[in-house]
PDB file of N, CA and C in Angstrom:
ATOM      1  N   MET A   1      11.027  35.809  -9.207  1.00  0.00           N
ATOM      2  CA  MET A   1      10.309  35.147  -7.951  1.00  0.00           C
ATOM      3  C   MET A   1       8.707  34.452  -8.194  1.00  0.00           C
ATOM      4  N   LEU A   2       8.657  33.479  -7.687  1.00  0.00           N
ATOM      5  CA  LEU A   2       7.470  32.672  -8.265  1.00  0.00           C
ATOM      6  C   LEU A   2       6.333  33.406  -7.100  1.00  0.00           C
ATOM      7  N   ASP A   3       4.869  33.288  -8.001  1.00  0.00           N
ATOM      8  CA  ASP A   3       3.729  33.927  -7.289  1.00  0.00           C
ATOM      9  C   ASP A   3       3.352  32.676  -5.910  1.00  0.00           C
ATOM     10  N   ASP A   4       3.054  33.124  -4.972  1.00  0.00           N
ATOM     11  CA  ASP A   4       2.123  32.376  -4.022  1.00  0.00           C
ATOM     12  C   ASP A   4       1.083  31.140  -4.402  1.00  0.00           C
ATOM     13  N   PRO A   5       1.070  30.369  -3.946  1.00  0.00           N
ATOM     14  CA  PRO A   5      -0.429  29.708  -4.544  1.00  0.00           C
ATOM     15  C   PRO A   5      -1.436  29.951  -4.347  1.00  0.00           C
ATOM     16  N   ARG A   6      -2.506  29.680  -4.735  1.00  0.00           N
ATOM     17  CA  ARG A   6      -3.707  30.209  -4.561  1.00  0.00           C
ATOM     18  C   ARG A   6      -4.189  29.286  -3.285  1.00  0.00           C
ATOM     19  N   GLY A   7      -5.543  30.157  -3.226  1.00  0.00           N
ATOM     20  CA  GLY A   7      -6.013  29.732  -1.772  1.00  0.00           C
ATOM     21  C   GLY A   7      -6.584  28.167  -1.810  1.00  0.00           C
ATOM     22  N   LEU A   8      -6.821  27.206  -0.932  1.00  0.00           N
ATOM     23  CA  LEU A   8      -7.195  26.468  -0.969  1.00  0.00           C
ATOM     24  C   LEU A   8      -9.330  26.809  -1.020  1.00  0.00           C
ATOM     25  N   THR A   9     -10.154  25.875  -1.839  1.00  0.00           N
ATOM     26  CA  THR A   9     -11.413  25.823  -1.701  1.00  0.00           C
ATOM     27  C   THR A   9     -11.812  24.552  -1.253  1.00  0.00           C
ATOM     28  N   GLY A  10     -13.046  24.317  -1.051  1.00  0.00           N
ATOM     29  CA  GLY A  10     -13.535  22.733  -0.153  1.00  0.00           C
ATOM     30  C   GLY A  10     -13.563  21.672  -0.960  1.00  0.00           C
ATOM     31  N   SER A  11     -13.325  22.249  -2.197  1.00  0.00           N
ATOM     32  CA  SER A  11     -13.015  20.888  -3.319  1.00  0.00           C
ATOM     33  C   SER A  11     -11.809  20.712  -3.048  1.00  0.00           C
ATOM     34  N   ASN A  12     -10.751  21.825  -3.436  1.00  0.00           N
ATOM     35  CA  ASN A  12      -9.163  21.184  -3.343  1.00  0.00           C
ATOM     36  C   ASN A  12      -9.132  20.390  -1.672  1.00  0.00           C
ATOM     37  N   TRP A  13      -9.497  20.696  -0.816  1.00  0.00           N
ATOM     38  CA  TRP A  13      -9.517  20.265   1.084  1.00  0.00           C
ATOM     39  C   TRP A  13      -9.706  18.750   0.271  1.00  0.00           C
ATOM     40  N   ASN A  14     -11.264  18.507  -0.198  1.00  0.00           N
ATOM     41  CA  ASN A  14     -11.655  17.564  -0.221  1.00  0.00           C
ATOM     42  C   ASN A  14     -10.519  16.144  -1.052  1.00  0.00           C
ATOM     43  N   ASP A  15     -10.144  16.866  -2.068  1.00  0.00           N
ATOM     44  CA  ASP A  15      -9.306  16.038  -2.876  1.00  0.00           C
ATOM     45  C   ASP A  15      -7.645  15.453  -2.298  1.00  0.00           C
ATOM     46  N   VAL A  16      -7.419  16.459  -1.212  1.00  0.00           N
ATOM     47  CA  VAL A  16      -6.163  16.205  -0.310  1.00  0.00           C
ATOM     48  C   VAL A  16      -6.966  14.968   0.690  1.00  0.00           C
ATOM     49  N   HIS A  17      -8.326  15.221   1.265  1.00  0.00           N
ATOM     50  CA  HIS A  17      -8.264  14.180   2.118  1.00  0.00           C
ATOM     51  C   HIS A  17      -8.568  13.127   1.493  1.00  0.00           C
ATOM     52  N   VAL A  18      -9.165  12.976  -0.240  1.00  0.00           N
ATOM     53  CA  VAL A  18      -9.317  11.573  -0.487  1.00  0.00           C
ATOM     54  C   VAL A  18      -7.742  10.897  -0.674  1.00  0.00           C
ATOM     55  N   TRP A  19      -6.932  11.856  -1.182  1.00  0.00           N
ATOM     56  CA  TRP A  19      -5.757  11.533  -1.354  1.00  0.00           C
ATOM     57  C   TRP A  19      -5.206  10.773  -0.247  1.00  0.00           C
ATOM     58  N   LEU A  20      -5.128  11.796   0.892  1.00  0.00           N
ATOM     59  CA  LEU A  20      -4.408  11.019   2.238  1.00  0.00           C
ATOM     60  C   LEU A  20      -5.068   9.644   2.698  1.00  0.00           C
ATOM     61  N   THR A  21      -6.424   9.856   2.381  1.00  0.00           N
ATOM     62  CA  THR A  21      -7.507   8.562   2.850  1.00  0.00           C
ATOM     63  C   THR A  21      -6.732   7.027   1.890  1.00  0.00           C
ATOM     64  N   LEU A  22      -6.618   7.604   0.667  1.00  0.00           N
ATOM     65  CA  LEU A  22      -6.032   6.140  -0.229  1.00  0.00           C
ATOM     66  C   LEU A  22      -4.735   6.179   0.241  1.00  0.00           C
ATOM     67  N   LEU A  23      -3.455   7.123   0.398  1.00  0.00           N
ATOM     68  CA  LEU A  23      -2.269   6.492   1.444  1.00  0.00           C
ATOM     69  C   LEU A  23      -2.288   5.959   2.572  1.00  0.00           C
ATOM     70  N   TRP A  24      -3.661   5.852   3.477  1.00  0.00           N
ATOM     71  CA  TRP A  24      -3.871   5.776   4.616  1.00  0.00           C
ATOM     72  C   TRP A  24      -3.744   4.336   4.403  1.00  0.00           C
ATOM     73  N   ILE A  25      -4.739   4.085   3.449  1.00  0.00           N
ATOM     74  CA  ILE A  25      -5.466   2.319   3.648  1.00  0.00           C
ATOM     75  C   ILE A  25      -4.301   1.607   2.657  1.00  0.00           C
ATOM     76  N   TYR A  26      -3.614   2.390   1.495  1.00  0.00           N
ATOM     77  CA  TYR A  26      -2.412   1.706   1.719  1.00  0.00           C
ATOM     78  C   TYR A  26      -1.553   0.832   2.335  1.00  0.00           C
ATOM     79  N   PHE A  27      -0.564   1.950   3.556  1.00  0.00           N
ATOM     80  CA  PHE A  27       0.257   1.507   4.334  1.00  0.00           C
ATOM     81  C   PHE A  27      -0.224   0.247   4.866  1.00  0.00           C
ATOM     82  N   PRO A  28      -1.213  -0.209   5.842  1.00  0.00           N
ATOM     83  CA  PRO A  28      -1.552  -1.617   6.027  1.00  0.00           C
ATOM     84  C   PRO A  28      -1.845  -2.836   5.214  1.00  0.00           C
ATOM     85  N   LEU A  29      -1.823  -2.232   3.611  1.00  0.00           N
ATOM     86  CA  LEU A  29      -2.028  -3.396   2.841  1.00  0.00           C
ATOM     87  C   LEU A  29      -0.825  -3.590   2.859  1.00  0.00           C
ATOM     88  N   ILE A  30       0.293  -2.772   2.899  1.00  0.00           N
ATOM     89  CA  ILE A  30       1.624  -3.088   2.303  1.00  0.00           C
ATOM     90  C   ILE A  30       2.320  -4.037   3.710  1.00  0.00           C
ATOM     91  N   ILE A  31       2.324  -3.767   4.675  1.00  0.00           N
ATOM     92  CA  ILE A  31       2.165  -4.203   5.739  1.00  0.00           C
ATOM     93  C   ILE A  31       2.037  -5.740   5.687  1.00  0.00           C
ATOM     94  N   THR A  32       0.593  -5.450   6.125  1.00  0.00           N
ATOM     95  CA  THR A  32       0.034  -7.017   5.766  1.00  0.00           C
ATOM     96  C   THR A  32       0.749  -8.026   4.732  1.00  0.00           C
ATOM     97  N   PHE A  33       0.374  -7.581   3.799  1.00  0.00           N
ATOM     98  CA  PHE A  33       1.634  -8.402   2.477  1.00  0.00           C
ATOM     99  C   PHE A  33       2.935  -8.771   2.656  1.00  0.00           C
ATOM    100  N   ALA A  34       3.871  -7.918   3.174  1.00  0.00           N
ATOM    101  CA  ALA A  34       5.194  -8.188   3.837  1.00  0.00           C
ATOM    102  C   ALA A  34       5.128  -8.868   4.640  1.00  0.00           C
ATOM    103  N   PHE A  35       4.114  -8.986   5.962  1.00  0.00           N
ATOM    104  CA  PHE A  35       4.175 -10.033   7.250  1.00  0.00           C
ATOM    105  C   PHE A  35       3.506 -11.393   6.804  1.00  0.00           C
ATOM    106  N   THR A  36       2.631 -11.568   5.535  1.00  0.00           N
ATOM    107  CA  THR A  36       2.248 -12.786   5.187  1.00  0.00           C
ATOM    108  C   THR A  36       2.965 -13.383   4.403  1.00  0.00           C
ATOM    109  N   MET A  37       3.771 -12.572   3.270  1.00  0.00           N
ATOM    110  CA  MET A  37       5.229 -13.485   2.488  1.00  0.00           C
ATOM    111  C   MET A  37       6.015 -13.754   3.527  1.00  0.00           C
ATOM    112  N   LEU A  38       6.627 -12.839   4.631  1.00  0.00           N
ATOM    113  CA  LEU A  38       7.619 -13.151   5.304  1.00  0.00           C
ATOM    114  C   LEU A  38       7.448 -14.341   6.001  1.00  0.00           C
ATOM    115  N   ILE A  39       6.085 -14.376   6.113  1.00  0.00           N
ATOM    116  CA  ILE A  39       5.627 -16.080   7.380  1.00  0.00           C
ATOM    117  C   ILE A  39       5.456 -17.388   6.397  1.00  0.00           C
ATOM    118  N   ALA A  40       4.627 -17.111   5.408  1.00  0.00           N
ATOM    119  CA  ALA A  40       5.078 -18.376   4.260  1.00  0.00           C
ATOM    120  C   ALA A  40       6.297 -18.622   3.845  1.00  0.00           C
ATOM    121  N   HIS A  41       7.293 -17.820   3.470  1.00  0.00           N
ATOM    122  CA  HIS A  41       8.263 -18.542   2.590  1.00  0.00           C
ATOM    123  C   HIS A  41       9.758 -18.135   3.621  1.00  0.00           C
ATOM    124  N   ALA A  42       9.880 -17.909   5.459  1.00  0.00           N
ATOM    125  CA  ALA A  42      10.801 -17.778   5.894  1.00  0.00           C
ATOM    126  C   ALA A  42      10.407 -18.468   7.047  1.00  0.00           C
ATOM    127  N   PHE A  43       9.426 -18.065   7.772  1.00  0.00           N
ATOM    128  CA  PHE A  43       9.150 -18.335   9.311  1.00  0.00           C
ATOM    129  C   PHE A  43       8.619 -19.843   9.058  1.00  0.00           C
ATOM    130  N   ILE A  44       7.657 -20.453   8.294  1.00  0.00           N
ATOM    131  CA  ILE A  44       6.791 -21.696   7.857  1.00  0.00           C
ATOM    132  C   ILE A  44       8.135 -22.934   7.725  1.00  0.00           C
ATOM    133  N   PRO A  45       8.681 -22.749   6.467  1.00  0.00           N
ATOM    134  CA  PRO A  45      10.090 -23.388   6.061  1.00  0.00           C
ATOM    135  C   PRO A  45      10.789 -23.766   7.101  1.00  0.00           C
ATOM    136  N   SER A  46      11.317 -22.463   7.958  1.00  0.00           N
ATOM    137  CA  SER A  46      12.383 -22.895   8.831  1.00  0.00           C
ATOM    138  C   SER A  46      11.884 -23.746   9.743  1.00  0.00           C
ATOM    139  N   LEU A  47      10.650 -23.148  10.581  1.00  0.00           N
ATOM    140  CA  LEU A  47      10.374 -24.036  11.372  1.00  0.00           C
ATOM    141  C   LEU A  47       9.933 -25.282  11.062  1.00  0.00           C
ATOM    142  N   VAL A  48       9.863 -25.493   9.775  1.00  0.00           N
ATOM    143  CA  VAL A  48       9.512 -26.844   9.160  1.00  0.00           C
ATOM    144  C   VAL A  48      10.838 -27.772   9.363  1.00  0.00           C
ATOM    145  N   SER A  49      11.712 -27.030   9.031  1.00  0.00           N
ATOM    146  CA  SER A  49      13.173 -27.663   8.579  1.00  0.00           C
ATOM    147  C   SER A  49      13.801 -28.281   9.889  1.00  0.00           C
ATOM    148  N   THR A  50      13.274 -27.284  10.991  1.00  0.00           N
ATOM    149  CA  THR A  50      13.674 -27.218  12.692  1.00  0.00           C
ATOM    150  C   THR A  50      12.822 -28.064  13.442  1.00  0.00           C
ATOM    151  N   ARG A  51      12.075 -28.961  12.966  1.00  0.00           N
ATOM    152  CA  ARG A  51      11.054 -29.681  13.360  1.00  0.00           C
ATOM    153  C   ARG A  51      10.352 -28.958  14.052  1.00  0.00           C
ATOM    154  N   HIS A  52      10.015 -28.095  14.295  1.00  0.00           N
ATOM    155  CA  HIS A  52       9.233 -27.117  15.317  1.00  0.00           C
ATOM    156  C   HIS A  52       7.947 -27.068  15.006  1.00  0.00           C
ATOM    157  N   LEU A  53       7.709 -26.946  13.873  1.00  0.00           N
ATOM    158  CA  LEU A  53       6.623 -27.333  13.259  1.00  0.00           C
ATOM    159  C   LEU A  53       6.478 -28.346  12.035  1.00  0.00           C
ATOM    160  N   PRO A  54       4.883 -29.182  12.192  1.00  0.00           N
ATOM    161  CA  PRO A  54       4.923 -30.457  11.658  1.00  0.00           C
ATOM    162  C   PRO A  54       4.805 -30.274   9.953  1.00  0.00           C
ATOM    163  N   PRO A  55       5.172 -31.502   9.224  1.00  0.00           N
ATOM    164  CA  PRO A  55       5.363 -31.455   7.621  1.00  0.00           C
ATOM    165  C   PRO A  55       4.104 -30.516   7.356  1.00  0.00           C
ATOM    166  N   LYS A  56       3.108 -31.165   7.746  1.00  0.00           N
ATOM    167  CA  LYS A  56       1.758 -30.427   7.060  1.00  0.00           C
ATOM    168  C   LYS A  56       1.692 -28.827   7.289  1.00  0.00           C
ATOM    169  N   ALA A  57       2.587 -28.399   8.108  1.00  0.00           N
ATOM    170  CA  ALA A  57       2.365 -27.147   7.940  1.00  0.00           C
ATOM    171  C   ALA A  57       2.738 -26.223   6.592  1.00  0.00           C
ATOM    172  N   ASN A  58       3.247 -27.074   5.475  1.00  0.00           N
ATOM    173  CA  ASN A  58       3.913 -26.401   4.619  1.00  0.00           C
ATOM    174  C   ASN A  58       2.798 -26.270   3.588  1.00  0.00           C
ATOM    175  N   LYS A  59       1.605 -27.122   4.105  1.00  0.00           N
ATOM    176  CA  LYS A  59       0.185 -26.615   3.366  1.00  0.00           C
ATOM    177  C   LYS A  59      -0.561 -25.383   3.338  1.00  0.00           C
ATOM    178  N   ALA A  60      -0.325 -24.353   4.379  1.00  0.00           N
ATOM    179  CA  ALA A  60      -0.409 -23.384   4.393  1.00  0.00           C
ATOM    180  C   ALA A  60       0.143 -22.177   3.812  1.00  0.00           C
ATOM    181  N   ARG A  61       1.488 -22.557   2.933  1.00  0.00           N
ATOM    182  CA  ARG A  61       2.123 -21.258   2.272  1.00  0.00           C
ATOM    183  C   ARG A  61       1.005 -21.098   0.937  1.00  0.00           C
ATOM    184  N   LEU A  62       1.145 -22.084   0.453  1.00  0.00           N
ATOM    185  CA  LEU A  62       0.287 -21.377  -0.825  1.00  0.00           C
ATOM    186  C   LEU A  62      -1.134 -20.768  -0.690  1.00  0.00           C
ATOM    187  N   PRO A  63      -1.995 -20.945   0.329  1.00  0.00           N
ATOM    188  CA  PRO A  63      -2.688 -19.756   0.335  1.00  0.00           C
ATOM    189  C   PRO A  63      -2.480 -18.337   1.269  1.00  0.00           C
ATOM    190  N   MET A  64      -1.500 -18.811   2.161  1.00  0.00           N
ATOM    191  CA  MET A  64      -1.313 -17.375   2.449  1.00  0.00           C
ATOM    192  C   MET A  64      -0.046 -16.519   1.242  1.00  0.00           C
ATOM    193  N   THR A  65       0.517 -17.181   0.371  1.00  0.00           N
ATOM    194  CA  THR A  65       0.864 -16.532  -0.746  1.00  0.00           C
ATOM    195  C   THR A  65      -0.247 -16.058  -1.420  1.00  0.00           C
ATOM    196  N   VAL A  66      -1.060 -16.919  -1.724  1.00  0.00           N
ATOM    197  CA  VAL A  66      -2.553 -16.130  -2.783  1.00  0.00           C
ATOM    198  C   VAL A  66      -2.902 -15.389  -1.794  1.00  0.00           C
ATOM    199  N   PHE A  67      -3.250 -15.317  -0.712  1.00  0.00           N
ATOM    200  CA  PHE A  67      -4.080 -13.982   0.026  1.00  0.00           C
ATOM    201  C   PHE A  67      -2.761 -12.808   0.182  1.00  0.00           C
ATOM    202  N   ALA A  68      -1.505 -13.098   0.088  1.00  0.00           N
ATOM    203  CA  ALA A  68      -0.792 -11.683  -0.071  1.00  0.00           C
ATOM    204  C   ALA A  68      -0.767 -11.222  -1.162  1.00  0.00           C
ATOM    205  N   LEU A  69      -0.741 -12.246  -2.617  1.00  0.00           N
ATOM    206  CA  LEU A  69      -0.368 -11.535  -3.734  1.00  0.00           C
ATOM    207  C   LEU A  69      -1.913 -10.800  -3.896  1.00  0.00           C
ATOM    208  N   MET A  70      -2.723 -11.274  -3.378  1.00  0.00           N
ATOM    209  CA  MET A  70      -4.631 -10.252  -3.961  1.00  0.00           C
ATOM    210  C   MET A  70      -3.910  -9.090  -2.929  1.00  0.00           C
ATOM    211  N   ILE A  71      -3.497  -9.395  -1.936  1.00  0.00           N
ATOM    212  CA  ILE A  71      -3.408  -8.461  -1.094  1.00  0.00           C
ATOM    213  C   ILE A  71      -2.570  -6.852  -1.977  1.00  0.00           C
ATOM    214  N   LEU A  72      -1.322  -7.323  -2.477  1.00  0.00           N
ATOM    215  CA  LEU A  72      -0.287  -6.413  -3.186  1.00  0.00           C
ATOM    216  C   LEU A  72      -0.853  -5.572  -4.184  1.00  0.00           C
ATOM    217  N   VAL A  73      -2.332  -7.002  -5.127  1.00  0.00           N
ATOM    218  CA  VAL A  73      -3.275  -6.178  -6.507  1.00  0.00           C
ATOM    219  C   VAL A  73      -3.648  -5.446  -5.975  1.00  0.00           C
ATOM    220  N   VAL A  74      -4.187  -5.731  -4.550  1.00  0.00           N
ATOM    221  CA  VAL A  74      -5.076  -3.838  -4.217  1.00  0.00           C
ATOM    222  C   VAL A  74      -4.657  -3.362  -3.736  1.00  0.00           C
ATOM    223  N   ALA A  75      -3.289  -3.342  -3.430  1.00  0.00           N
ATOM    224  CA  ALA A  75      -2.185  -2.122  -2.731  1.00  0.00           C
ATOM    225  C   ALA A  75      -2.283  -1.674  -3.797  1.00  0.00           C
ATOM    226  N   ALA A  76      -1.739  -2.413  -5.214  1.00  0.00           N
ATOM    227  CA  ALA A  76      -1.044  -1.245  -6.622  1.00  0.00           C
ATOM    228  C   ALA A  76      -2.462  -0.614  -6.870  1.00  0.00           C
ATOM    229  N   ILE A  77      -3.586  -1.183  -7.015  1.00  0.00           N
ATOM    230  CA  ILE A  77      -4.369  -0.371  -7.634  1.00  0.00           C
ATOM    231  C   ILE A  77      -4.922   0.612  -6.795  1.00  0.00           C
ATOM    232  N   LEU A  78      -4.672   0.710  -5.545  1.00  0.00           N
ATOM    233  CA  LEU A  78      -4.951   1.797  -4.839  1.00  0.00           C
ATOM    234  C   LEU A  78      -4.082   2.982  -4.918  1.00  0.00           C
ATOM    235  N   MET A  79      -2.398   2.126  -5.009  1.00  0.00           N
ATOM    236  CA  MET A  79      -1.861   3.259  -5.407  1.00  0.00           C
ATOM    237  C   MET A  79      -1.983   4.046  -6.635  1.00  0.00           C
ATOM    238  N   GLY A  80      -2.548   3.612  -7.731  1.00  0.00           N
ATOM    239  CA  GLY A  80      -2.853   3.883  -8.818  1.00  0.00           C
ATOM    240  C   GLY A  80      -3.862   4.999  -8.652  1.00  0.00           C
ATOM    241  N   PHE A  81      -4.607   4.630  -7.850  1.00  0.00           N
ATOM    242  CA  PHE A  81      -5.717   5.723  -7.838  1.00  0.00           C
ATOM    243  C   PHE A  81      -5.325   7.336  -6.916  1.00  0.00           C
ATOM    244  N   ALA A  82      -4.034   6.818  -5.963  1.00  0.00           N
ATOM    245  CA  ALA A  82      -3.596   8.163  -4.887  1.00  0.00           C
ATOM    246  C   ALA A  82      -3.124   8.501  -6.235  1.00  0.00           C
ATOM    247  N   MET A  83      -2.154   8.087  -7.045  1.00  0.00           N
ATOM    248  CA  MET A  83      -1.361   9.128  -8.274  1.00  0.00           C
ATOM    249  C   MET A  83      -1.641   9.793  -9.241  1.00  0.00           C
ATOM    250  N   ALA A  84      -2.918   9.187  -9.273  1.00  0.00           N
ATOM    251  CA  ALA A  84      -4.190   9.761 -10.334  1.00  0.00           C
ATOM    252  C   ALA A  84      -4.586  11.187  -9.511  1.00  0.00           C
ATOM    253  N   ARG A  85      -4.639  11.068  -8.046  1.00  0.00           N
ATOM    254  CA  ARG A  85      -5.464  12.202  -7.629  1.00  0.00           C
ATOM    255  C   ARG A  85      -4.354  13.477  -7.520  1.00  0.00           C
ATOM    256  N   THR A  86      -3.116  12.921  -7.881  1.00  0.00           N
ATOM    257  CA  THR A  86      -2.142  13.604  -7.398  1.00  0.00           C
ATOM    258  C   THR A  86      -2.240  14.775  -8.196  1.00  0.00           C
ATOM    259  N   LEU A  87      -2.892  14.701  -9.819  1.00  0.00           N
ATOM    260  CA  LEU A  87      -2.641  15.555 -10.917  1.00  0.00           C
ATOM    261  C   LEU A  87      -3.840  16.694 -10.268  1.00  0.00           C
ATOM    262  N   SER A  88      -4.576  16.342  -8.962  1.00  0.00           N
ATOM    263  CA  SER A  88      -6.009  17.348  -8.779  1.00  0.00           C
ATOM    264  C   SER A  88      -4.821  18.387  -8.037  1.00  0.00           C
ATOM    265  N   VAL A  89      -3.424  18.118  -7.444  1.00  0.00           N
ATOM    266  CA  VAL A  89      -2.932  18.849  -6.970  1.00  0.00           C
ATOM    267  C   VAL A  89      -2.915  20.484  -7.717  1.00  0.00           C
ATOM    268  N   GLY A  90      -2.417  20.070  -9.224  1.00  0.00           N
ATOM    269  CA  GLY A  90      -1.724  20.800  -9.917  1.00  0.00           C
ATOM    270  C   GLY A  90      -2.916  22.029 -10.397  1.00  0.00           C
ATOM    271  N   ARG A  91      -3.766  21.976  -9.353  1.00  0.00           N
ATOM    272  CA  ARG A  91      -5.160  22.673  -9.815  1.00  0.00           C
ATOM    273  C   ARG A  91      -4.584  24.133  -8.605  1.00  0.00           C
ATOM    274  N   PHE A  92      -4.072  23.943  -7.603  1.00  0.00           N
ATOM    275  CA  PHE A  92      -3.576  24.929  -6.604  1.00  0.00           C
ATOM    276  C   PHE A  92      -2.141  25.477  -6.485  1.00  0.00           C
ATOM    277  N   TRP A  93      -1.313  23.946  -6.736  1.00  0.00           N
ATOM    278  CA  TRP A  93      -0.109  24.018  -6.416  1.00  0.00           C
ATOM    279  C   TRP A  93       0.734  23.654  -7.622  1.00  0.00           C
ATOM    280  N   ASP A  94       1.060  24.751  -8.490  1.00  0.00           N
ATOM    281  CA  ASP A  94       2.154  24.493  -9.672  1.00  0.00           C
ATOM    282  C   ASP A  94       3.243  24.119  -9.765  1.00  0.00           C
ATOM    283  N   ARG A  95       3.983  24.122  -8.952  1.00  0.00           N
ATOM    284  CA  ARG A  95       5.393  23.951  -8.581  1.00  0.00           C
ATOM    285  C   ARG A  95       5.703  22.867  -7.725  1.00  0.00           C
ATOM    286  N   PHE A  96       5.602  21.765  -8.793  1.00  0.00           N
ATOM    287  CA  PHE A  96       5.902  20.541  -7.942  1.00  0.00           C
ATOM    288  C   PHE A  96       7.175  19.837  -7.187  1.00  0.00           C
ATOM    289  N   LEU A  97       8.410  20.906  -7.746  1.00  0.00           N
ATOM    290  CA  LEU A  97       9.774  20.691  -7.420  1.00  0.00           C
ATOM    291  C   LEU A  97      10.185  21.731  -6.327  1.00  0.00           C
ATOM    292  N   PHE A  98       9.257  22.488  -5.641  1.00  0.00           N
ATOM    293  CA  PHE A  98      10.119  23.625  -4.999  1.00  0.00           C
ATOM    294  C   PHE A  98       9.241  23.403  -3.886  1.00  0.00           C
TER     295      PHE A  98
END
């Protein structure tokens, strides 16, 4: 039988807090990336082809795509930080698969 994990210290709770904060920041960034790409590469071309938007609206696609890619880079960096913070969980929970 496996031993119970050790009790959590204030430092452990702070590590969990930072990890969860990074994940909660990551979530809206990915949602923003997805909606921006959806608008830039699905809605705008469709609305321009059906003539609900003027052809000048296609000029907004490039800035929206650049903005979405910048958001994606920031989200990837935050996910890297969050993954690095999971290593601190090993201080009080030594079994990752159970």
